């Protein structure tokens, strides 16, 4: 992944780099175990001082997205259930730390070959019981200040998994988990550190999801003519903030960027009259179309609308299906 820094921007260079690396991790362009570029490599690519890059890496480490390995470098952390952590306290897990991954991998192979959970139960009773209990309750969590992204995740998971999904604000997660005997907490990698800290003492697992990489939308932004007006519409305030920083890092002041959350009718109506291109999430698509239709008599040329269909990557959906025993 190439990082782009606008040196004449009002946004600090360290903030630009921090958001781009965080996005690369959240969208799995930098998957768990990936070694981040050295400060020297990144300094050559971005023109930033190595001390600035080291500061960004420390920030990423502080929020739990990366870890430093002495003499080796900075690596993306495996988080939540994907790291192969044990579920229950048992001297057997301590005696055989590799046993869980062996059992999990073998179970997936059996399921892929057509073995039912009940047939596999005799061989892997503990793992199967864990999956069945956790599958009974799936909680999606996000901070209250960006509960819109939680709504995006919940809508997509309910449609893809065909099971009920409960949306819980991060601030209420601990209280909800105190009342649950088991479950699976799902969240974006943006919030995984906080979710893990809440869920770790409880009898639940946390599975981080990877977000869609927005490659098509990125190419669209790169191809926009200079001085174009780009509109961004989403149900998520956090997604809008991240997208605005990424667009600015790609194009600097070459584009006029307007953002609005779903529900701000006044700003949306102004956007459809100004923007040449609008990018929105699926939850906002109908509202954008309606605003364009209402303004059709005032528009010389309606804006081009691009709707990204998914917030969650297809690989994460498949992972959740396997983890929840839905395949």
Protein backbone atom coordinates (compact mmCIF):
# COMPACT_ATOMS: atom_id res chain seq x y z
CA UNK A 1 0.00 0.00 0.00
CA UNK A 2 1.28 3.47 -0.92
CA UNK A 3 0.85 6.24 1.62
CA UNK A 4 0.12 9.79 0.48
CA UNK A 5 0.93 12.81 2.64
CA UNK A 6 -0.21 16.32 1.78
CA UNK A 7 2.53 18.50 3.25
CA UNK A 8 0.58 21.76 2.83
CA UNK A 9 -2.52 20.43 4.56
CA UNK A 10 -4.11 21.75 7.75
CA UNK A 11 -4.34 18.13 8.90
CA UNK A 12 -1.07 17.18 10.67
CA UNK A 13 1.06 14.76 8.66
CA UNK A 14 1.15 12.34 11.58
CA UNK A 15 -2.66 12.27 11.65
CA UNK A 16 -2.78 11.58 7.91
CA UNK A 17 -0.35 8.67 8.24
CA UNK A 18 -2.05 7.31 11.38
CA UNK A 19 -5.46 7.21 9.68
CA UNK A 20 -4.09 5.60 6.50
CA UNK A 21 -2.29 2.82 8.40
CA UNK A 22 -5.33 2.27 10.64
CA UNK A 23 -7.52 1.98 7.54
CA UNK A 24 -5.07 -0.49 5.96
CA UNK A 25 -5.28 -2.67 9.08
CA UNK A 26 -9.07 -2.38 9.42
CA UNK A 27 -9.58 -3.32 5.75
CA UNK A 28 -7.05 -6.18 6.03
CA UNK A 29 -4.70 -4.73 3.45
CA UNK A 30 -2.32 -5.20 6.37
CA UNK A 31 -3.56 -8.53 7.84
CA UNK A 32 -2.62 -9.92 11.28
CA UNK A 33 1.06 -10.79 11.35
CA UNK A 34 1.92 -8.32 8.59
CA UNK A 35 5.20 -6.50 9.20
CA UNK A 36 4.83 -2.75 8.85
CA UNK A 37 7.47 -0.86 6.84
CA UNK A 38 10.48 0.27 8.82
CA UNK A 39 10.61 3.92 9.82
CA UNK A 40 13.39 4.38 7.29
CA UNK A 41 11.36 2.85 4.45
CA UNK A 42 8.31 4.91 5.36
CA UNK A 43 10.39 8.09 5.66
CA UNK A 44 11.69 7.55 2.12
CA UNK A 45 8.17 6.94 0.82
CA UNK A 46 6.38 9.81 2.59
CA UNK A 47 9.12 12.37 3.24
CA UNK A 48 8.25 12.39 6.95
CA UNK A 49 10.89 12.42 9.69
CA UNK A 50 11.54 9.00 11.25
CA UNK A 51 10.66 10.41 14.69
CA UNK A 52 7.18 11.31 13.37
CA UNK A 53 6.71 7.80 12.02
CA UNK A 54 7.89 6.28 15.31
CA UNK A 55 5.30 8.43 17.11
CA UNK A 56 2.55 7.12 14.79
CA UNK A 57 3.66 3.53 15.42
CA UNK A 58 3.55 4.13 19.19
CA UNK A 59 -0.01 5.48 18.84
CA UNK A 60 -1.03 2.37 16.92
CA UNK A 61 0.59 0.22 19.60
CA UNK A 62 -1.19 2.15 22.37
CA UNK A 63 -4.62 1.33 20.88
CA UNK A 64 -3.70 -2.32 20.43
CA UNK A 65 -3.53 -2.57 16.65
CA UNK A 66 0.18 -3.36 16.35
CA UNK A 67 2.95 -4.77 18.52
CA UNK A 68 6.69 -4.26 18.51
CA UNK A 69 8.91 -7.34 18.40
CA UNK A 70 12.40 -6.59 19.62
CA UNK A 71 14.95 -6.76 16.85
CA UNK A 72 12.33 -7.68 14.28
CA UNK A 73 9.94 -4.76 13.69
CA UNK A 74 6.34 -3.66 14.10
CA UNK A 75 3.63 -6.22 13.34
CA UNK A 76 -0.17 -6.11 13.04
CA UNK A 77 -1.66 -7.84 16.07
CA UNK A 78 -3.97 -10.82 15.84
CA UNK A 79 -7.03 -9.76 17.81
CA UNK A 80 -9.98 -11.33 19.47
CA UNK A 81 -10.81 -14.92 18.59
CA UNK A 82 -8.68 -14.90 15.44
CA UNK A 83 -5.54 -15.05 17.57
CA UNK A 84 -6.34 -18.55 18.73
CA UNK A 85 -6.81 -17.56 22.36
CA UNK A 86 -8.31 -20.14 24.68
CA UNK A 87 -11.91 -19.81 25.76
CA UNK A 88 -12.12 -21.53 29.14
CA UNK A 89 -9.73 -21.85 32.03
CA UNK A 90 -8.33 -25.38 32.02
CA UNK A 91 -4.97 -26.95 32.85
CA UNK A 92 -5.26 -28.88 29.56
CA UNK A 93 -5.07 -25.66 27.54
CA UNK A 94 -2.04 -24.58 29.54
CA UNK A 95 -0.38 -27.95 29.03
CA UNK A 96 -1.06 -28.02 25.29
CA UNK A 97 -1.10 -24.38 24.07
CA UNK A 98 -1.26 -25.49 20.43
CA UNK A 99 -4.23 -27.81 20.98
CA UNK A 100 -6.96 -25.25 20.32
CA UNK A 101 -5.74 -24.38 16.84
CA UNK A 102 -5.34 -28.07 16.00
CA UNK A 103 -8.90 -28.84 17.11
CA UNK A 104 -10.35 -25.78 15.38
CA UNK A 105 -8.60 -26.48 12.09
CA UNK A 106 -9.62 -30.15 12.17
CA UNK A 107 -13.23 -29.28 12.93
CA UNK A 108 -13.43 -26.86 10.02
CA UNK A 109 -12.05 -29.54 7.71
CA UNK A 110 -14.71 -31.99 8.92
CA UNK A 111 -17.48 -29.43 8.44
CA UNK A 112 -16.26 -28.61 4.96
CA UNK A 113 -16.42 -32.32 4.09
CA UNK A 114 -20.06 -32.54 5.17
CA UNK A 115 -19.74 -33.72 8.76
CA UNK A 116 -22.56 -32.35 10.93
CA UNK A 117 -21.96 -30.69 14.29
CA UNK A 118 -23.67 -33.55 16.08
CA UNK A 119 -21.39 -36.08 14.37
CA UNK A 120 -18.32 -33.99 15.19
CA UNK A 121 -19.47 -33.54 18.81
CA UNK A 122 -18.19 -37.01 19.76
CA UNK A 123 -14.69 -36.03 18.59
CA UNK A 124 -14.54 -32.40 19.67
CA UNK A 125 -17.14 -32.00 22.42
CA UNK A 126 -15.60 -28.98 24.09
CA UNK A 127 -15.10 -26.98 20.88
CA UNK A 128 -18.55 -27.83 19.54
CA UNK A 129 -20.27 -26.92 22.81
CA UNK A 130 -18.42 -23.62 22.82
CA UNK A 131 -19.49 -22.76 19.28
CA UNK A 132 -23.12 -23.73 19.85
CA UNK A 133 -23.39 -21.71 23.05
CA UNK A 134 -21.71 -18.66 21.55
CA UNK A 135 -23.79 -18.89 18.39
CA UNK A 136 -26.96 -18.47 20.42
CA UNK A 137 -26.25 -14.78 20.91
CA UNK A 138 -24.39 -12.45 18.55
CA UNK A 139 -23.74 -8.91 19.75
CA UNK A 140 -22.47 -6.14 17.51
CA UNK A 141 -20.84 -3.26 19.37
CA UNK A 142 -19.61 0.24 18.51
CA UNK A 143 -19.14 3.43 20.53
CA UNK A 144 -22.30 5.42 21.15
CA UNK A 145 -20.82 8.44 19.37
CA UNK A 146 -20.58 6.35 16.18
CA UNK A 147 -23.49 3.99 16.67
CA UNK A 148 -24.25 4.45 12.97
CA UNK A 149 -21.40 2.14 12.00
CA UNK A 150 -22.85 -0.43 14.42
CA UNK A 151 -26.14 -0.17 12.55
CA UNK A 152 -24.30 -0.78 9.27
CA UNK A 153 -22.63 -3.90 10.68
CA UNK A 154 -25.85 -5.21 12.24
CA UNK A 155 -27.87 -4.79 9.05
CA UNK A 156 -25.25 -6.54 6.93
CA UNK A 157 -24.73 -9.40 9.38
CA UNK A 158 -28.44 -10.10 9.80
CA UNK A 159 -28.85 -10.22 6.03
CA UNK A 160 -25.75 -12.39 5.45
CA UNK A 161 -26.04 -14.74 8.44
CA UNK A 162 -29.85 -15.03 8.56
CA UNK A 163 -29.84 -14.87 12.36
CA UNK A 164 -30.90 -12.17 14.87
CA UNK A 165 -28.11 -9.74 15.78
CA UNK A 166 -28.24 -7.41 18.78
CA UNK A 167 -26.64 -3.95 18.54
CA UNK A 168 -25.12 -2.82 21.84
CA UNK A 169 -23.33 0.50 22.43
CA UNK A 170 -19.79 -0.06 23.69
CA UNK A 171 -20.62 1.91 26.84
CA UNK A 172 -23.36 -0.63 27.73
CA UNK A 173 -21.50 -3.79 26.68
CA UNK A 174 -20.19 -4.71 30.13
CA UNK A 175 -23.65 -4.51 31.70
CA UNK A 176 -25.20 -6.59 28.91
CA UNK A 177 -22.48 -9.24 29.13
CA UNK A 178 -22.97 -9.54 32.89
CA UNK A 179 -26.44 -10.89 32.13
CA UNK A 180 -25.28 -13.31 29.42
CA UNK A 181 -23.79 -16.74 30.05
CA UNK A 182 -22.16 -16.88 26.63
CA UNK A 183 -22.11 -15.14 23.29
CA UNK A 184 -20.07 -13.71 20.46
CA UNK A 185 -19.16 -10.04 20.29
CA UNK A 186 -18.47 -8.72 16.80
CA UNK A 187 -16.92 -5.34 16.06
CA UNK A 188 -14.71 -3.53 13.57
CA UNK A 189 -10.95 -3.52 14.09
CA UNK A 190 -11.31 0.19 14.74
CA UNK A 191 -12.87 -0.66 18.13
CA UNK A 192 -11.38 -4.09 18.86
CA UNK A 193 -9.09 -2.97 21.71
CA UNK A 194 -11.93 -1.52 23.77
CA UNK A 195 -14.24 -4.45 23.03
CA UNK A 196 -11.60 -6.98 24.11
CA UNK A 197 -10.92 -5.14 27.36
CA UNK A 198 -14.64 -5.28 28.23
CA UNK A 199 -15.26 -8.87 27.11
CA UNK A 200 -12.03 -10.48 28.38
CA UNK A 201 -13.32 -11.16 31.95
CA UNK A 202 -16.65 -12.50 30.64
CA UNK A 203 -17.51 -15.89 29.18
CA UNK A 204 -17.69 -14.55 25.65
CA UNK A 205 -15.42 -14.32 22.63
CA UNK A 206 -14.68 -11.30 20.48
CA UNK A 207 -14.32 -11.59 16.71
CA UNK A 208 -12.97 -8.59 14.78
CA UNK A 209 -14.31 -8.01 11.30
CA UNK A 210 -12.40 -6.58 8.37
CA UNK A 211 -13.99 -3.78 6.43
CA UNK A 212 -14.37 -3.50 2.68
CA UNK A 213 -11.20 -2.02 1.13
CA UNK A 214 -13.00 0.61 -1.03
CA UNK A 215 -10.61 -0.04 -3.93
CA UNK A 216 -13.23 0.87 -6.55
CA UNK A 217 -14.18 4.06 -4.72
CA UNK A 218 -10.51 4.99 -4.24
CA UNK A 219 -9.90 4.74 -7.98
CA UNK A 220 -12.97 6.87 -8.61
CA UNK A 221 -11.64 9.58 -6.28
CA UNK A 222 -8.23 9.49 -7.96
CA UNK A 223 -9.85 9.96 -11.37
CA UNK A 224 -12.03 12.96 -10.46
CA UNK A 225 -11.21 16.17 -12.28
CA UNK A 226 -9.42 18.87 -10.31
CA UNK A 227 -11.78 21.28 -8.51
CA UNK A 228 -14.61 18.72 -8.60
CA UNK A 229 -17.05 18.62 -5.71
CA UNK A 230 -17.30 15.22 -4.03
CA UNK A 231 -20.14 14.35 -1.66
CA UNK A 232 -19.87 11.65 1.01
CA UNK A 233 -23.01 10.37 2.75
CA UNK A 234 -23.16 7.73 5.49
CA UNK A 235 -25.09 6.64 8.52
CA UNK A 236 -21.73 6.59 10.36
CA UNK A 237 -20.03 9.80 11.52
CA UNK A 238 -16.78 7.91 12.10
CA UNK A 239 -16.79 6.49 8.58
CA UNK A 240 -17.29 9.98 7.18
CA UNK A 241 -14.38 11.39 9.19
CA UNK A 242 -12.05 8.59 8.10
CA UNK A 243 -13.15 8.88 4.47
CA UNK A 244 -12.59 12.64 4.46
CA UNK A 245 -9.03 12.23 5.75
CA UNK A 246 -8.28 9.49 3.22
CA UNK A 247 -9.67 11.56 0.32
CA UNK A 248 -7.66 14.57 1.47
CA UNK A 249 -4.51 12.45 1.70
CA UNK A 250 -5.08 11.29 -1.89
CA UNK A 251 -6.03 14.60 -3.49
CA UNK A 252 -5.23 17.39 -1.02
CA UNK A 253 -7.05 20.62 -1.87
CA UNK A 254 -7.76 19.53 -5.45
CA UNK A 255 -11.29 18.45 -4.49
CA UNK A 256 -14.06 20.15 -2.57
CA UNK A 257 -15.39 17.50 -0.18
CA UNK A 258 -18.84 17.76 1.43
CA UNK A 259 -19.93 15.21 4.03
CA UNK A 260 -23.26 14.61 5.71
CA UNK A 261 -24.79 11.96 7.92
CA UNK A 262 -28.02 10.28 6.93
CA UNK A 263 -30.87 12.30 8.40
CA UNK A 264 -29.43 15.77 7.77
CA UNK A 265 -31.95 16.65 5.08
CA UNK A 266 -30.86 20.26 4.70
CA UNK A 267 -27.22 19.39 4.07
CA UNK A 268 -28.10 16.47 1.79
CA UNK A 269 -30.32 18.70 -0.35
CA UNK A 270 -27.50 21.24 -0.65
CA UNK A 271 -25.05 18.46 -1.55
CA UNK A 272 -27.05 17.11 -4.50
CA UNK A 273 -27.09 20.61 -5.98
CA UNK A 274 -23.31 21.07 -5.64
CA UNK A 275 -21.61 17.69 -5.93
CA UNK A 276 -20.53 16.20 -9.22
CA UNK A 277 -20.07 12.79 -7.60
CA UNK A 278 -21.65 11.32 -4.45
CA UNK A 279 -20.41 8.20 -2.65
CA UNK A 280 -22.75 6.72 -0.06
CA UNK A 281 -23.41 3.58 1.97
CA UNK A 282 -26.35 1.28 1.34
CA UNK A 283 -28.30 2.69 4.30
CA UNK A 284 -28.15 6.17 2.74
CA UNK A 285 -28.73 5.27 -0.90
CA UNK A 286 -32.51 5.69 -0.99
CA UNK A 287 -32.29 9.07 0.77
CA UNK A 288 -29.69 10.27 -1.77
CA UNK A 289 -31.86 9.14 -4.69
CA UNK A 290 -34.90 10.84 -3.17
CA UNK A 291 -33.00 14.12 -2.67
CA UNK A 292 -31.84 14.08 -6.30
CA UNK A 293 -35.36 13.36 -7.49
CA UNK A 294 -36.75 16.25 -5.44
CA UNK A 295 -34.14 18.65 -6.86
CA UNK A 296 -34.38 17.43 -10.47
CA UNK A 297 -35.89 20.68 -11.76
CA UNK A 298 -32.93 22.67 -10.38
CA UNK A 299 -30.21 20.36 -11.65
CA UNK A 300 -28.48 20.87 -14.99
CA UNK A 301 -26.79 17.51 -14.55
CA UNK A 302 -27.61 15.12 -11.68
CA UNK A 303 -24.61 13.95 -9.66
CA UNK A 304 -23.16 10.50 -10.31
CA UNK A 305 -24.01 8.31 -7.32
CA UNK A 306 -21.83 5.38 -6.26
CA UNK A 307 -23.18 3.18 -3.48
CA UNK A 308 -20.77 0.79 -1.78
CA UNK A 309 -22.82 -2.28 -1.04
CA UNK A 310 -20.84 -3.64 1.90
CA UNK A 311 -19.04 -2.30 4.93
CA UNK A 312 -17.89 -5.78 6.01
CA UNK A 313 -15.51 -7.76 3.79
CA UNK A 314 -16.76 -11.02 2.28
CA UNK A 315 -13.88 -12.88 3.95
CA UNK A 316 -15.11 -11.78 7.38
CA UNK A 317 -18.64 -12.92 6.57
CA UNK A 318 -17.31 -16.37 5.67
CA UNK A 319 -15.22 -16.46 8.85
CA UNK A 320 -18.26 -15.64 10.98
CA UNK A 321 -20.33 -18.33 9.26
CA UNK A 322 -17.67 -20.90 10.12
CA UNK A 323 -17.21 -19.68 13.68
CA UNK A 324 -20.95 -19.67 14.32
CA UNK A 325 -21.50 -23.10 12.77
CA UNK A 326 -23.71 -21.70 10.00
CA UNK A 327 -21.97 -23.58 7.19
